[in-house]
Protein backbone atom coordinates (compact mmCIF):
# COMPACT_ATOMS: atom_id res chain seq x y z
CA UNK A 1 -48.99 -12.32 -36.53
CA UNK A 2 -46.49 -13.36 -33.79
CA UNK A 3 -44.22 -10.52 -32.66
CA UNK A 4 -40.99 -10.11 -30.89
CA UNK A 5 -39.69 -7.20 -28.76
CA UNK A 6 -36.85 -6.02 -26.73
CA UNK A 7 -36.64 -7.20 -23.14
CA UNK A 8 -34.39 -5.70 -20.39
CA UNK A 9 -33.56 -7.23 -16.99
CA UNK A 10 -33.05 -10.34 -14.60
CA UNK A 11 -31.67 -13.99 -14.40
CA UNK A 12 -32.08 -17.37 -15.96
CA UNK A 13 -34.56 -19.96 -14.72
CA UNK A 14 -36.18 -18.48 -11.54
CA UNK A 15 -36.87 -20.91 -8.74
CA UNK A 16 -36.17 -24.57 -8.87
CA UNK A 17 -38.73 -25.11 -6.15
CA UNK A 18 -41.62 -23.64 -8.02
CA UNK A 19 -44.89 -25.49 -7.71
CA UNK A 20 -45.96 -27.72 -10.68
CA UNK A 21 -47.23 -25.57 -13.59
CA UNK A 22 -50.96 -25.01 -13.22
CA UNK A 23 -53.27 -25.13 -16.33
CA UNK A 24 -56.93 -24.44 -17.00
CA UNK A 25 -59.05 -21.33 -16.99
CA UNK A 26 -57.85 -20.16 -13.60
CA UNK A 27 -54.21 -19.88 -14.61
CA UNK A 28 -53.06 -16.53 -15.73
CA UNK A 29 -50.42 -18.14 -18.07
CA UNK A 30 -50.28 -21.57 -19.53
CA UNK A 31 -47.16 -23.16 -21.23
CA UNK A 32 -47.50 -26.63 -22.93
CA UNK A 33 -45.60 -28.76 -25.31
CA UNK A 34 -47.27 -30.14 -28.42
CA UNK A 35 -46.33 -32.66 -31.01
CA UNK A 36 -46.39 -31.80 -34.75
CA UNK A 37 -50.07 -32.61 -34.88
CA UNK A 38 -50.98 -30.23 -32.08
CA UNK A 39 -51.49 -32.95 -29.38
CA UNK A 40 -50.31 -31.99 -25.90
CA UNK A 41 -47.32 -34.15 -24.72
CA UNK A 42 -48.09 -36.42 -21.77
CA UNK A 43 -47.67 -34.30 -18.67
CA UNK A 44 -46.94 -35.38 -15.05
CA UNK A 45 -46.64 -33.50 -11.74
CA UNK A 46 -44.11 -34.97 -9.35
CA UNK A 47 -42.17 -33.54 -6.42
CA UNK A 48 -43.44 -30.04 -7.11
CA UNK A 49 -42.33 -30.07 -10.67
CA UNK A 50 -43.95 -30.50 -14.15
CA UNK A 51 -42.49 -33.25 -16.29
CA UNK A 52 -43.27 -33.97 -19.97
CA UNK A 53 -42.71 -37.30 -21.81
CA UNK A 54 -40.82 -37.03 -25.04
CA UNK A 55 -39.62 -39.54 -27.62
CA UNK A 56 -36.26 -39.58 -29.40
CA UNK A 57 -36.68 -37.94 -32.94
CA UNK A 58 -39.98 -36.34 -32.04
CA UNK A 59 -40.61 -32.77 -33.20
CA UNK A 60 -42.44 -30.52 -30.76
CA UNK A 61 -43.62 -26.95 -30.43
CA UNK A 62 -44.07 -24.73 -27.34
CA UNK A 63 -47.42 -23.01 -26.94
CA UNK A 64 -47.65 -20.12 -24.56
CA UNK A 65 -51.11 -18.76 -23.60
CA UNK A 66 -51.85 -15.43 -21.95
CA UNK A 67 -55.17 -15.64 -20.13
CA UNK A 68 -55.09 -12.09 -18.87
CA UNK A 69 -56.54 -8.81 -20.18
CA UNK A 70 -53.13 -7.22 -20.77
CA UNK A 71 -50.24 -7.63 -23.12
CA UNK A 72 -47.34 -9.73 -21.91
CA UNK A 73 -43.95 -10.71 -23.16
CA UNK A 74 -42.57 -14.17 -22.82
CA UNK A 75 -38.83 -14.95 -22.80
CA UNK A 76 -38.34 -18.60 -23.48
CA UNK A 77 -35.33 -20.86 -23.17
CA UNK A 78 -34.87 -24.57 -24.19
CA UNK A 79 -32.04 -26.38 -22.49
CA UNK A 80 -30.74 -23.06 -21.24
CA UNK A 81 -30.51 -21.39 -24.67
CA UNK A 82 -32.66 -18.47 -25.56
CA UNK A 83 -35.01 -19.51 -28.42
CA UNK A 84 -34.69 -16.19 -30.23
CA UNK A 85 -30.89 -15.38 -30.00
CA UNK A 86 -29.55 -18.79 -29.21
CA UNK A 87 -27.35 -17.30 -26.51
CA UNK A 88 -27.31 -18.66 -22.92
CA UNK A 89 -30.61 -17.79 -21.31
CA UNK A 90 -30.61 -14.41 -19.59
CA UNK A 91 -33.82 -12.34 -19.72
CA UNK A 92 -31.86 -9.27 -18.59
CA UNK A 93 -30.94 -8.64 -22.29
CA UNK A 94 -32.79 -11.03 -24.55
CA UNK A 95 -35.85 -10.39 -26.66
CA UNK A 96 -39.16 -12.28 -26.22
CA UNK A 97 -42.49 -12.95 -27.85
CA UNK A 98 -45.30 -10.47 -27.27
CA UNK A 99 -48.80 -11.77 -26.61
CA UNK A 100 -51.93 -9.75 -26.76
CA UNK A 101 -54.78 -9.92 -24.18
CA UNK A 102 -56.05 -13.52 -24.17
CA UNK A 103 -53.59 -14.25 -27.03
CA UNK A 104 -51.14 -17.05 -27.68
CA UNK A 105 -47.99 -17.91 -29.50
CA UNK A 106 -46.80 -21.23 -30.97
CA UNK A 107 -42.95 -21.36 -30.90
CA UNK A 108 -41.72 -24.00 -33.41
CA UNK A 109 -37.91 -23.80 -33.02
CA UNK A 110 -34.91 -21.77 -32.42
CA UNK A 111 -35.30 -18.47 -34.38
CA UNK A 112 -32.82 -18.12 -37.25
CA UNK A 113 -34.37 -15.00 -38.77
CA UNK A 114 -37.65 -13.04 -38.94
CA UNK A 115 -38.90 -15.63 -41.50
CA UNK A 116 -37.53 -19.10 -40.27
CA UNK A 117 -36.90 -21.21 -37.22
CA UNK A 118 -34.70 -24.38 -36.67
CA UNK A 119 -37.28 -26.95 -35.46
CA UNK A 120 -37.30 -28.39 -31.94
CA UNK A 121 -36.55 -32.14 -32.03
CA UNK A 122 -35.78 -34.39 -29.19
CA UNK A 123 -32.40 -36.04 -29.54
CA UNK A 124 -29.53 -37.52 -27.63
CA UNK A 125 -28.25 -34.99 -24.94
CA UNK A 126 -24.77 -34.98 -26.64
CA UNK A 127 -26.32 -34.04 -29.96
CA UNK A 128 -28.51 -31.25 -28.46
CA UNK A 129 -28.14 -27.61 -29.47
CA UNK A 130 -27.11 -26.72 -25.89
CA UNK A 131 -24.43 -29.26 -25.63
CA UNK A 132 -22.92 -28.33 -29.00
CA UNK A 133 -23.01 -24.74 -27.81
CA UNK A 134 -21.13 -25.54 -24.68
CA UNK A 135 -23.82 -25.73 -21.99
CA UNK A 136 -24.66 -29.47 -21.76
CA UNK A 137 -25.47 -29.09 -17.92
CA UNK A 138 -28.83 -27.39 -18.74
CA UNK A 139 -30.26 -30.08 -21.09
CA UNK A 140 -33.80 -31.29 -20.22
CA UNK A 141 -35.51 -28.06 -19.06
CA UNK A 142 -37.65 -25.31 -20.60
CA UNK A 143 -38.15 -21.97 -19.03
CA UNK A 144 -40.62 -19.22 -19.66
CA UNK A 145 -40.40 -15.79 -18.01
CA UNK A 146 -43.47 -13.60 -18.40
CA UNK A 147 -43.59 -9.85 -18.02
CA UNK A 148 -46.60 -7.68 -17.81
CA UNK A 149 -46.57 -4.46 -19.95
CA UNK A 150 -46.17 -1.13 -18.34
CA UNK A 151 -49.37 0.79 -18.19
CA UNK A 152 -49.17 4.54 -18.55
CA UNK A 153 -50.95 6.43 -15.77
CA UNK A 154 -53.93 8.51 -16.89
CA UNK A 155 -53.40 12.24 -16.95
CA UNK A 156 -54.48 14.24 -13.95
CA UNK A 157 -57.63 16.25 -14.39
CA UNK A 158 -57.30 19.76 -15.93
CA UNK A 159 -56.88 22.42 -13.34
CA UNK A 160 -57.20 26.18 -13.85
CA UNK A 161 -57.34 25.67 -17.59
CA UNK A 162 -53.81 24.05 -17.66
CA UNK A 163 -52.68 20.40 -17.85
CA UNK A 164 -49.93 19.24 -15.55
CA UNK A 165 -46.47 19.25 -17.20
CA UNK A 166 -45.34 15.78 -18.40
CA UNK A 167 -42.16 14.43 -16.91
CA UNK A 168 -39.29 14.18 -19.30
CA UNK A 169 -38.13 10.66 -20.49
CA UNK A 170 -34.59 11.87 -20.57
CA UNK A 171 -33.93 10.90 -16.95
CA UNK A 172 -30.73 8.91 -16.21
CA UNK A 173 -30.75 5.24 -17.31
CA UNK A 174 -34.27 5.36 -18.98
CA UNK A 175 -34.33 3.86 -22.45
CA UNK A 176 -35.96 6.02 -25.08
CA UNK A 177 -38.78 4.86 -27.44
CA UNK A 178 -36.18 4.03 -30.24
CA UNK A 179 -34.42 1.58 -28.03
CA UNK A 180 -37.65 -0.21 -27.18
CA UNK A 181 -39.03 -0.13 -30.67
CA UNK A 182 -35.96 -1.26 -32.58
CA UNK A 183 -34.58 -3.86 -30.12
CA UNK A 184 -31.41 -1.90 -29.24
CA UNK A 185 -29.44 -2.80 -26.09
CA UNK A 186 -30.18 -0.69 -23.00
CA UNK A 187 -27.83 2.11 -22.16
CA UNK A 188 -24.41 1.29 -20.65
CA UNK A 189 -25.46 2.76 -17.24
CA UNK A 190 -28.48 0.45 -17.08
CA UNK A 191 -26.35 -2.52 -18.06
CA UNK A 192 -23.83 -1.78 -15.25
CA UNK A 193 -26.71 -1.37 -12.82
CA UNK A 194 -28.17 -4.72 -13.88
CA UNK A 195 -24.84 -6.36 -13.50
CA UNK A 196 -24.47 -4.98 -9.91
CA UNK A 197 -27.90 -6.24 -9.03
CA UNK A 198 -26.96 -9.75 -10.12
CA UNK A 199 -23.65 -9.63 -8.16
CA UNK A 200 -25.61 -8.64 -5.06
CA UNK A 201 -28.21 -11.38 -5.33
CA UNK A 202 -28.74 -13.27 -1.96
CA UNK A 203 -26.88 -16.47 -1.46
CA UNK A 204 -30.04 -18.38 -1.35
CA UNK A 205 -30.90 -17.39 -4.91
CA UNK A 206 -27.45 -18.54 -6.05
CA UNK A 207 -28.13 -21.91 -4.41
CA UNK A 208 -31.36 -22.22 -6.18
CA UNK A 209 -29.91 -21.61 -9.59
CA UNK A 210 -26.91 -23.90 -9.16
CA UNK A 211 -29.26 -26.60 -7.87
CA UNK A 212 -30.75 -26.86 -11.24
CA UNK A 213 -27.46 -28.23 -12.66
CA UNK A 214 -27.15 -30.73 -9.89
CA UNK A 215 -30.50 -32.43 -10.63
CA UNK A 216 -30.65 -35.75 -12.51
CA UNK A 217 -29.68 -35.46 -16.12
CA UNK A 218 -32.29 -36.07 -18.81
CA UNK A 219 -32.06 -38.81 -21.40
CA UNK A 220 -33.16 -36.34 -24.00
CA UNK A 221 -32.02 -32.93 -25.33
CA UNK A 222 -33.36 -30.67 -27.99
CA UNK A 223 -31.76 -30.61 -31.43
CA UNK A 224 -31.26 -27.52 -33.77
CA UNK A 225 -33.52 -29.13 -36.37
CA UNK A 226 -34.55 -28.45 -39.97
CA UNK A 227 -35.62 -25.02 -41.17
CA UNK A 228 -39.26 -24.20 -40.84
CA UNK A 229 -41.21 -21.05 -42.05
CA UNK A 230 -42.30 -18.86 -39.08
CA UNK A 231 -42.73 -15.04 -39.71
CA UNK A 232 -42.53 -12.44 -36.99
CA UNK A 233 -42.11 -8.70 -36.82
CA UNK A 234 -40.88 -6.36 -34.01
CA UNK A 235 -43.08 -4.24 -31.89
CA UNK A 236 -42.80 -1.70 -29.16
CA UNK A 237 -43.08 -3.11 -25.61
CA UNK A 238 -42.16 -1.76 -22.19
CA UNK A 239 -42.09 -3.97 -19.09
CA UNK A 240 -44.02 -3.03 -15.98
CA UNK A 241 -40.98 -4.18 -13.94
CA UNK A 242 -37.74 -4.50 -15.89
CA UNK A 243 -36.10 -6.47 -13.15
CA UNK A 244 -38.67 -9.01 -11.95
CA UNK A 245 -40.90 -11.20 -14.25
CA UNK A 246 -44.67 -11.51 -13.36
CA UNK A 247 -44.22 -15.32 -13.56
CA UNK A 248 -41.49 -17.84 -14.26
CA UNK A 249 -42.65 -21.27 -15.54
CA UNK A 250 -40.32 -24.27 -15.59
CA UNK A 251 -41.00 -27.53 -17.39
CA UNK A 252 -38.76 -30.62 -17.28
CA UNK A 253 -38.80 -33.26 -20.04
CA UNK A 254 -37.32 -36.80 -20.41
CA UNK A 255 -38.09 -40.10 -22.14
CA UNK A 256 -40.03 -42.88 -20.44
CA UNK A 257 -37.13 -44.57 -18.89
CA UNK A 258 -35.96 -41.21 -17.35
CA UNK A 259 -39.35 -40.44 -15.90
CA UNK A 260 -39.61 -44.07 -14.46
CA UNK A 261 -36.16 -43.59 -12.89
CA UNK A 262 -37.54 -40.43 -11.16
CA UNK A 263 -40.43 -42.48 -9.77
CA UNK A 264 -42.99 -41.24 -12.15
CA UNK A 265 -45.63 -43.76 -13.23
CA UNK A 266 -45.99 -43.21 -16.96
CA UNK A 267 -49.53 -44.01 -18.34
CA UNK A 268 -50.24 -45.60 -20.81
CA UNK A 269 -47.27 -47.87 -20.43
CA UNK A 270 -45.29 -48.62 -23.50
CA UNK A 271 -44.28 -52.22 -23.92
CA UNK A 272 -41.93 -52.94 -26.85
CA UNK A 273 -42.58 -56.06 -28.78
CA UNK A 274 -46.08 -56.54 -27.46
CA UNK A 275 -49.05 -56.14 -29.89
CA UNK A 276 -52.02 -54.18 -28.52
CA UNK A 277 -55.22 -56.08 -28.05
CA UNK A 278 -58.58 -54.55 -28.87
CA UNK A 279 -60.50 -56.86 -26.30
CA UNK A 280 -58.31 -57.58 -23.23
CA UNK A 281 -59.85 -59.93 -20.66
CA UNK A 282 -61.94 -57.87 -18.31
CA UNK A 283 -65.73 -58.14 -18.85
CA UNK A 284 -66.48 -54.88 -17.02
CA UNK A 285 -64.54 -51.61 -16.48
CA UNK A 286 -62.36 -51.76 -13.44
CA UNK A 287 -61.47 -48.68 -11.41
CA UNK A 288 -58.05 -47.03 -12.35
CA UNK A 289 -55.18 -47.51 -10.03
CA UNK A 290 -54.82 -45.15 -7.07
């Protein structure tokens, strides 16, 4: 069963200059978009980014794979909106999906309850959920922030017949187990501290984040679609580092014309009005273009 849990600290998309998203057995985490039949959308690496080819009206899902031996939590945004809460993406406060060791989760839409989601569908940017919620500048991008689970240190060896005293969890700013288990907001002191950390972020980081809004706009956005059944439950999860994700993955999407305008050669080419031929002219198989 897919699960959701409380998450605590950081900022929106991470780095706009991140390398193209790696896939395969060597990657710790894999994020891919699939159509409603489970087929991976055509994917292209260009200019250090990963782009996906979408089609107006097409329903899609986001599959996140954890290829490590530890639990992780994935905070996901579509067009700058958190897929669980619908609020502007901010993994300082929003919840995410918990994946077990070598586990995966299929996210089929914006979560409307513990039983349903509103399906992801490609649409006109003006009709996207993000635009209708007041953030049209973020249309065309998907972000996934992944956090490792905090591992408890093993107890020290027993000495002189006594075990070392356990440190109290009641230190200042430390969330208790109820807050983690029930999805409550972190204490006010921790929230103020998080806000101060964001205000003190280096200028270079601010340039990276604002640069996302200056990039070329996508011809597609994601619609708040029809209701679909998708059951989740809450679980206890504590991040290894509340402020810094283990990895941030960014995927951009657009239609064919939008990708071509970016200089991306889209294969196979789609020619409207031309019937496909089962036996085109070549007698032997030519090499593919370089």
